[in-house]
C-alpha atoms as a PDB file:
ATOM      1  CA  MET A   1      -0.053   0.093   0.092  1.00  0.00           C
ATOM      2  CA  THR A   2       1.628   3.318  -1.106  1.00  0.00           C
ATOM      3  CA  LEU A   3       1.863   5.918   1.519  1.00  0.00           C
ATOM      4  CA  PHE A   4      -0.688   8.040  -0.142  1.00  0.00           C
ATOM      5  CA  ARG A   5      -3.317   5.208   0.093  1.00  0.00           C
ATOM      6  CA  LEU A   6      -2.469   5.017   3.770  1.00  0.00           C
ATOM      7  CA  ALA A   7      -2.907   8.735   4.254  1.00  0.00           C
ATOM      8  CA  ALA A   8      -6.070   8.596   2.425  1.00  0.00           C
ATOM      9  CA  MET A   9      -7.332   6.099   4.520  1.00  0.00           C
ATOM     10  CA  LEU A  10      -6.483   7.754   7.702  1.00  0.00           C
ATOM     11  CA  VAL A  11      -7.903  11.047   6.577  1.00  0.00           C
ATOM     12  CA  SER A  12     -10.900   9.514   5.362  1.00  0.00           C
ATOM     13  CA  LEU A  13     -11.708   8.113   9.015  1.00  0.00           C
ATOM     14  CA  VAL A  14     -11.873  11.572  10.138  1.00  0.00           C
ATOM     15  CA  LEU A  15     -12.913  13.622   7.152  1.00  0.00           C
ATOM     16  CA  VAL A  16     -15.635  11.423   5.630  1.00  0.00           C
ATOM     17  CA  PRO A  17     -16.494  11.971   2.913  1.00  0.00           C
ATOM     18  CA  LEU A  18     -13.069  13.287   1.591  1.00  0.00           C
ATOM     19  CA  PRO A  19      -6.768  13.016  -8.124  1.00  0.00           C
ATOM     20  CA  VAL A  20      -3.406  13.491  -7.145  1.00  0.00           C
ATOM     21  CA  THR A  21      -1.489  15.803  -9.618  1.00  0.00           C
ATOM     22  CA  ALA A  22       1.907  14.457  -8.396  1.00  0.00           C
ATOM     23  CA  ALA A  23       2.799  10.944  -9.383  1.00  0.00           C
ATOM     24  CA  PRO A  24       2.475   8.450  -6.510  1.00  0.00           C
ATOM     25  CA  PRO A  25       5.568   6.409  -5.437  1.00  0.00           C
ATOM     26  CA  PRO A  26       5.609   2.991  -6.398  1.00  0.00           C
ATOM     27  CA  GLU A  27       4.136   0.172  -4.315  1.00  0.00           C
ATOM     28  CA  PRO A  28       6.428  -1.728  -1.856  1.00  0.00           C
ATOM     29  CA  THR A  29       8.403  -4.185  -3.800  1.00  0.00           C
ATOM     30  CA  VAL A  30       8.804  -6.644  -1.172  1.00  0.00           C
ATOM     31  CA  GLU A  31       6.706  -9.171   0.487  1.00  0.00           C
ATOM     32  CA  TYR A  32       6.677  -8.419   4.478  1.00  0.00           C
ATOM     33  CA  SER A  33       4.402  -9.010   7.685  1.00  0.00           C
ATOM     34  CA  ALA A  34       4.138  -6.367  10.500  1.00  0.00           C
ATOM     35  CA  ASP A  35       1.825  -5.229  13.350  1.00  0.00           C
ATOM     36  CA  SER A  36       0.353  -2.074  12.393  1.00  0.00           C
ATOM     37  CA  THR A  37      -1.005   0.509  15.074  1.00  0.00           C
ATOM     38  CA  MET A  38      -3.113   3.513  13.885  1.00  0.00           C
ATOM     39  CA  GLU A  39      -4.150   6.217  16.431  1.00  0.00           C
ATOM     40  CA  THR A  40      -6.037   9.497  16.186  1.00  0.00           C
ATOM     41  CA  GLU A  41      -6.194  12.362  18.575  1.00  0.00           C
ATOM     42  CA  GLY A  42      -9.482  11.559  19.665  1.00  0.00           C
ATOM     43  CA  GLY A  43      -8.252   8.409  21.522  1.00  0.00           C
ATOM     44  CA  MET A  44      -9.093   5.947  18.987  1.00  0.00           C
ATOM     45  CA  THR A  45      -6.637   3.193  18.541  1.00  0.00           C
ATOM     46  CA  MET A  46      -6.718   0.278  16.047  1.00  0.00           C
ATOM     47  CA  LYS A  47      -4.236  -2.515  15.876  1.00  0.00           C
ATOM     48  CA  PHE A  48      -3.759  -4.701  12.860  1.00  0.00           C
ATOM     49  CA  ARG A  49      -1.957  -7.767  11.633  1.00  0.00           C
ATOM     50  CA  VAL A  50      -0.859  -6.992   8.059  1.00  0.00           C
ATOM     51  CA  TYR A  51       0.530  -9.360   5.181  1.00  0.00           C
ATOM     52  CA  HIS A  52       1.732  -7.877   2.126  1.00  0.00           C
ATOM     53  CA  THR A  53       2.892  -8.790  -1.435  1.00  0.00           C
ATOM     54  CA  PRO A  54       2.974  -6.421  -4.354  1.00  0.00           C
ATOM     55  CA  THR A  55      -0.530  -7.639  -5.530  1.00  0.00           C
ATOM     56  CA  LYS A  56      -2.189  -8.913  -2.221  1.00  0.00           C
ATOM     57  CA  GLN A  57      -2.937  -7.754   1.266  1.00  0.00           C
ATOM     58  CA  ARG A  58      -4.316  -9.370   4.111  1.00  0.00           C
ATOM     59  CA  MET A  59      -5.362  -7.195   7.382  1.00  0.00           C
ATOM     60  CA  GLU A  60      -6.478  -8.897  10.455  1.00  0.00           C
ATOM     61  CA  MET A  61      -7.998  -6.955  13.326  1.00  0.00           C
ATOM     62  CA  GLY A  62      -8.569  -9.016  16.424  1.00  0.00           C
ATOM     63  CA  GLY A  63      -6.669 -11.635  15.577  1.00  0.00           C
ATOM     64  CA  ALA A  64      -6.978 -14.507  12.822  1.00  0.00           C
ATOM     65  CA  ASP A  65     -10.346 -15.357  14.247  1.00  0.00           C
ATOM     66  CA  GLY A  66     -11.575 -11.773  14.167  1.00  0.00           C
ATOM     67  CA  SER A  67     -12.331  -9.480  11.194  1.00  0.00           C
ATOM     68  CA  VAL A  68      -9.947 -10.187   8.091  1.00  0.00           C
ATOM     69  CA  THR A  69      -9.835  -8.202   4.910  1.00  0.00           C
ATOM     70  CA  ILE A  70      -8.100  -9.488   2.141  1.00  0.00           C
ATOM     71  CA  THR A  71      -7.303  -7.311  -0.924  1.00  0.00           C
ATOM     72  CA  ARG A  72      -6.518  -8.978  -4.192  1.00  0.00           C
ATOM     73  CA  LYS A  73      -5.531  -6.426  -6.784  1.00  0.00           C
ATOM     74  CA  ASP A  74      -4.601  -9.440  -9.187  1.00  0.00           C
ATOM     75  CA  LYS A  75      -8.135 -10.613  -9.036  1.00  0.00           C
ATOM     76  CA  LYS A  76      -9.674  -6.847  -8.423  1.00  0.00           C
ATOM     77  CA  VAL A  77     -11.695  -8.063  -5.421  1.00  0.00           C
ATOM     78  CA  VAL A  78     -11.921  -7.414  -1.752  1.00  0.00           C
ATOM     79  CA  TRP A  79     -12.649 -10.196   0.646  1.00  0.00           C
ATOM     80  CA  GLN A  80     -14.115  -9.538   4.117  1.00  0.00           C
ATOM     81  CA  VAL A  81     -14.042 -12.890   6.041  1.00  0.00           C
ATOM     82  CA  MET A  82     -15.775 -13.027   9.450  1.00  0.00           C
ATOM     83  CA  GLY A  83     -15.830 -16.710  10.984  1.00  0.00           C
ATOM     84  CA  ASP A  84     -17.131 -19.089   8.306  1.00  0.00           C
ATOM     85  CA  MET A  85     -18.819 -16.458   6.231  1.00  0.00           C
ATOM     86  CA  TYR A  86     -17.373 -13.884   3.748  1.00  0.00           C
ATOM     87  CA  MET A  87     -18.346 -11.017   1.536  1.00  0.00           C
ATOM     88  CA  GLU A  88     -17.010 -10.159  -1.983  1.00  0.00           C
ATOM     89  CA  THR A  89     -16.686  -6.422  -3.179  1.00  0.00           C
ATOM     90  CA  PRO A  90     -15.251  -5.379  -6.424  1.00  0.00           C
ATOM     91  CA  LEU A  91     -11.975  -3.449  -6.368  1.00  0.00           C
ATOM     92  CA  ASP A  92     -12.310  -0.557  -8.348  1.00  0.00           C
ATOM     93  CA  GLN A  93     -11.809   3.190  -8.542  1.00  0.00           C
ATOM     94  CA  SER A  94     -15.218   3.506  -6.642  1.00  0.00           C
ATOM     95  CA  ASN A  95     -14.116   1.782  -3.608  1.00  0.00           C
ATOM     96  CA  ALA A  96     -10.238   1.850  -3.767  1.00  0.00           C
ATOM     97  CA  PRO A  97      -8.803   4.413  -1.157  1.00  0.00           C
ATOM     98  CA  ASP A  98      -7.377   7.310  -3.312  1.00  0.00           C
ATOM     99  CA  MET A  99      -6.575  11.131  -2.408  1.00  0.00           C
ATOM    100  CA  GLY A 100     -10.156  12.141  -3.306  1.00  0.00           C
ATOM    101  CA  GLY A 101      -9.161  15.499  -5.027  1.00  0.00           C
ATOM    102  CA  PHE A 102      -6.171  16.511  -2.784  1.00  0.00           C
ATOM    103  CA  ASP A 103      -3.391  18.169  -4.667  1.00  0.00           C
ATOM    104  CA  ILE A 104       0.165  17.659  -3.512  1.00  0.00           C
ATOM    105  CA  GLN A 105       1.536  21.082  -2.762  1.00  0.00           C
ATOM    106  CA  GLU A 106       5.041  19.800  -1.094  1.00  0.00           C
ATOM    107  CA  GLN A 107       6.718  16.655  -1.061  1.00  0.00           C
ATOM    108  CA  THR A 108      10.195  17.078   0.401  1.00  0.00           C
ATOM    109  CA  GLU A 109      12.792  14.757   1.617  1.00  0.00           C
ATOM    110  CA  VAL A 110      13.914  15.503   5.166  1.00  0.00           C
ATOM    111  CA  GLY A 111      16.441  13.168   5.830  1.00  0.00           C
ATOM    112  CA  GLU A 112      17.487   9.493   6.960  1.00  0.00           C
ATOM    113  CA  GLU A 113      16.329   7.969  10.051  1.00  0.00           C
ATOM    114  CA  THR A 114      16.144   4.291  11.504  1.00  0.00           C
ATOM    115  CA  VAL A 115      12.572   3.533  12.879  1.00  0.00           C
ATOM    116  CA  ASN A 116      12.053   0.095  14.538  1.00  0.00           C
ATOM    117  CA  GLY A 117      15.466  -1.098  13.436  1.00  0.00           C
ATOM    118  CA  LEU A 118      14.772  -0.162   9.749  1.00  0.00           C
ATOM    119  CA  LYS A 119      16.501   2.625   7.691  1.00  0.00           C
ATOM    120  CA  THR A 120      13.836   4.869   6.198  1.00  0.00           C
ATOM    121  CA  THR A 121      13.660   8.178   4.265  1.00  0.00           C
ATOM    122  CA  LYS A 122      11.466  10.885   6.302  1.00  0.00           C
ATOM    123  CA  THR A 123       9.407  12.715   3.754  1.00  0.00           C
ATOM    124  CA  LYS A 124       7.265  15.911   4.540  1.00  0.00           C
ATOM    125  CA  ILE A 125       4.000  16.234   2.509  1.00  0.00           C
ATOM    126  CA  ILE A 126       1.564  18.823   2.320  1.00  0.00           C
ATOM    127  CA  ALA A 127      -1.748  18.306   0.128  1.00  0.00           C
ATOM    128  CA  THR A 128      -4.767  20.755  -0.189  1.00  0.00           C
ATOM    129  CA  LYS A 129      -8.251  20.502  -1.878  1.00  0.00           C
ATOM    130  CA  PRO A 130     -10.082  23.344  -3.583  1.00  0.00           C
ATOM    131  CA  ASP A 131     -12.474  23.435  -0.492  1.00  0.00           C
ATOM    132  CA  GLY A 132      -9.856  24.607   1.777  1.00  0.00           C
ATOM    133  CA  SER A 133      -9.297  21.104   3.698  1.00  0.00           C
ATOM    134  CA  LYS A 134      -5.664  19.854   3.858  1.00  0.00           C
ATOM    135  CA  PHE A 135      -3.514  17.569   5.634  1.00  0.00           C
ATOM    136  CA  GLY A 136       0.344  17.810   6.065  1.00  0.00           C
ATOM    137  CA  GLY A 137       2.739  15.795   8.096  1.00  0.00           C
ATOM    138  CA  PHE A 138       5.696  13.379   7.612  1.00  0.00           C
ATOM    139  CA  PHE A 139       6.141   9.582   6.137  1.00  0.00           C
ATOM    140  CA  TRP A 140       9.139   7.204   7.045  1.00  0.00           C
ATOM    141  CA  THR A 141       9.677   4.945   4.156  1.00  0.00           C
ATOM    142  CA  THR A 142      11.977   2.205   3.391  1.00  0.00           C
ATOM    143  CA  LYS A 143      14.110   1.924   0.131  1.00  0.00           C
ATOM    144  CA  GLU A 144      11.662  -1.249  -0.785  1.00  0.00           C
ATOM    145  CA  GLY A 145       8.591   1.373  -0.352  1.00  0.00           C
ATOM    146  CA  VAL A 146       7.574   0.170   2.872  1.00  0.00           C
ATOM    147  CA  THR A 147       5.980   2.927   4.958  1.00  0.00           C
ATOM    148  CA  VAL A 148       7.027   2.273   8.599  1.00  0.00           C
ATOM    149  CA  LYS A 149       5.708   5.312  10.087  1.00  0.00           C
ATOM    150  CA  MET A 150       3.279   8.419   9.496  1.00  0.00           C
ATOM    151  CA  ASP A 151       2.263  11.318  11.573  1.00  0.00           C
ATOM    152  CA  LEU A 152      -0.271  13.686  10.121  1.00  0.00           C
ATOM    153  CA  LEU A 153      -2.272  16.613  10.931  1.00  0.00           C
ATOM    154  CA  SER A 154      -5.608  17.176   8.980  1.00  0.00           C
ATOM    155  CA  LYS A 155      -7.592  20.431   9.047  1.00  0.00           C
ATOM    156  CA  ASP A 156     -11.345  20.732   7.529  1.00  0.00           C
ATOM    157  CA  GLY A 157     -12.846  24.167   8.553  1.00  0.00           C
ATOM    158  CA  ASP A 158     -12.268  24.390  12.315  1.00  0.00           C
ATOM    159  CA  LYS A 159     -11.826  20.903  12.773  1.00  0.00           C
ATOM    160  CA  LYS A 160      -8.503  19.595  13.138  1.00  0.00           C
ATOM    161  CA  MET A 161      -7.275  16.157  13.894  1.00  0.00           C
ATOM    162  CA  ARG A 162      -3.780  14.177  14.327  1.00  0.00           C
ATOM    163  CA  MET A 163      -3.335  10.903  13.015  1.00  0.00           C
ATOM    164  CA  ALA A 164      -0.327   8.513  13.565  1.00  0.00           C
ATOM    165  CA  SER A 165       0.514   5.075  12.196  1.00  0.00           C
ATOM    166  CA  GLU A 166       3.259   2.686  12.942  1.00  0.00           C
ATOM    167  CA  LEU A 167       4.424  -0.748  11.961  1.00  0.00           C
ATOM    168  CA  THR A 168       6.539  -2.750  14.418  1.00  0.00           C
ATOM    169  CA  ASN A 169       7.723  -6.298  13.993  1.00  0.00           C
ATOM    170  CA  VAL A 170       8.546  -6.123  10.343  1.00  0.00           C
ATOM    171  CA  LYS A 171       9.624  -9.077   8.500  1.00  0.00           C
ATOM    172  CA  ILE A 172      10.655  -9.099   5.218  1.00  0.00           C
ATOM    173  CA  GLN A 173       9.983 -12.448   3.579  1.00  0.00           C
ATOM    174  CA  LYS A 174       8.041 -14.480   1.396  1.00  0.00           C
ATOM    175  CA  GLN A 175       4.404 -14.797   2.415  1.00  0.00           C
ATOM    176  CA  ASP A 176       2.233 -17.900   2.554  1.00  0.00           C
ATOM    177  CA  PRO A 177      -0.010 -17.736  -0.432  1.00  0.00           C
ATOM    178  CA  ALA A 178      -2.900 -19.300   1.602  1.00  0.00           C
ATOM    179  CA  LEU A 179      -3.035 -16.042   3.669  1.00  0.00           C
ATOM    180  CA  PHE A 180      -4.637 -14.328   0.718  1.00  0.00           C
ATOM    181  CA  GLU A 181      -7.255 -16.854  -0.053  1.00  0.00           C
ATOM    182  CA  VAL A 182     -10.673 -17.057   1.505  1.00  0.00           C
ATOM    183  CA  PRO A 183     -10.699 -19.922   4.038  1.00  0.00           C
ATOM    184  CA  ALA A 184     -11.915 -23.349   2.608  1.00  0.00           C
ATOM    185  CA  GLY A 185     -15.629 -23.928   3.577  1.00  0.00           C
ATOM    186  CA  ALA A 186     -16.479 -20.666   4.164  1.00  0.00           C
ATOM    187  CA  THR A 187     -20.012 -19.541   2.786  1.00  0.00           C
ATOM    188  CA  LYS A 188     -20.166 -16.429   0.674  1.00  0.00           C
ATOM    189  CA  ASN A 189     -22.654 -13.731   1.620  1.00  0.00           C
ATOM    190  CA  ASP A 190     -24.165 -11.699  -1.180  1.00  0.00           C
ATOM    191  CA  MET A 191     -24.395  -8.541   0.879  1.00  0.00           C
ATOM    192  CA  GLY A 192     -21.063  -7.694  -0.192  1.00  0.00           C
ATOM    193  CA  ALA A 193     -22.343  -7.283  -3.883  1.00  0.00           C
ATOM    194  CA  MET A 194     -25.095  -4.856  -2.468  1.00  0.00           C
ATOM    195  CA  MET A 195     -22.601  -3.040  -0.619  1.00  0.00           C
ATOM    196  CA  GLY A 196     -20.210  -2.720  -3.467  1.00  0.00           C
ATOM    197  CA  GLN A 197     -23.079  -1.319  -5.742  1.00  0.00           C
ATOM    198  CA  GLY A 198     -23.487   1.178  -3.007  1.00  0.00           C
ATOM    199  CA  GLY A 199     -20.324   2.576  -3.485  1.00  0.00           C
ATOM    200  CA  MET A 200     -19.183   1.713   0.179  1.00  0.00           C
END
C-alpha cells in the first residue's frame, strides 16, 4: 500500500467524505508482515496484523479469528472474512482508497532515520483541496517502499485531527499464498455485492 493510500485511509476516517497531481511513489516491492497501530487524537486506536505482497494484502483485526480483510489486486476483489462467512466486493476506483481530490503542494525529503530497526527516508508532505481542507505531515519509508511510520495533521474548516500510524515487528520475507485466499468451506454472503454497488 502506498503512503498516499495509507494517508487517504487515515484522513477518510476523520474527514468522511473526502486526483493527485503528483505521481504517487511505487508500491512496496517486497513481501512482508508486520504489526500495525493507527491512532487518532480522539483516542481511537486500531491494531492490525498486516501481510503484504505487491499484488495482495491481508489485514487482521482482532487476530486471525477476528475480522479479516483480503485485498486482491490481481483478481480485482476485496474479501471481508468473519468466521465461516465472507463478503466479496469489486476492487475498483469507486471503493479503492485514493486522495479524493487532494493536490500535493509539497513533497520534500527531510533526511534518513532508523525507525524500529529499519533504515527509512523521512518525507514531508502537504496536500490541499479546493474547498480549503488540507493535511500535512511526515512519512518514514524504506528503500523498498514500506511506509514504517506516519504522523499527520488534517484540517477541515475548524476541525483539526492528528493521526499517526506505525509498523512494528516488520519481517521482509516471502508470505504464505494461503493467507490471501478465502478459508476453505467459508460461505459467501451476497451482501458484499450490494454494498459494493452502493459505493461503500
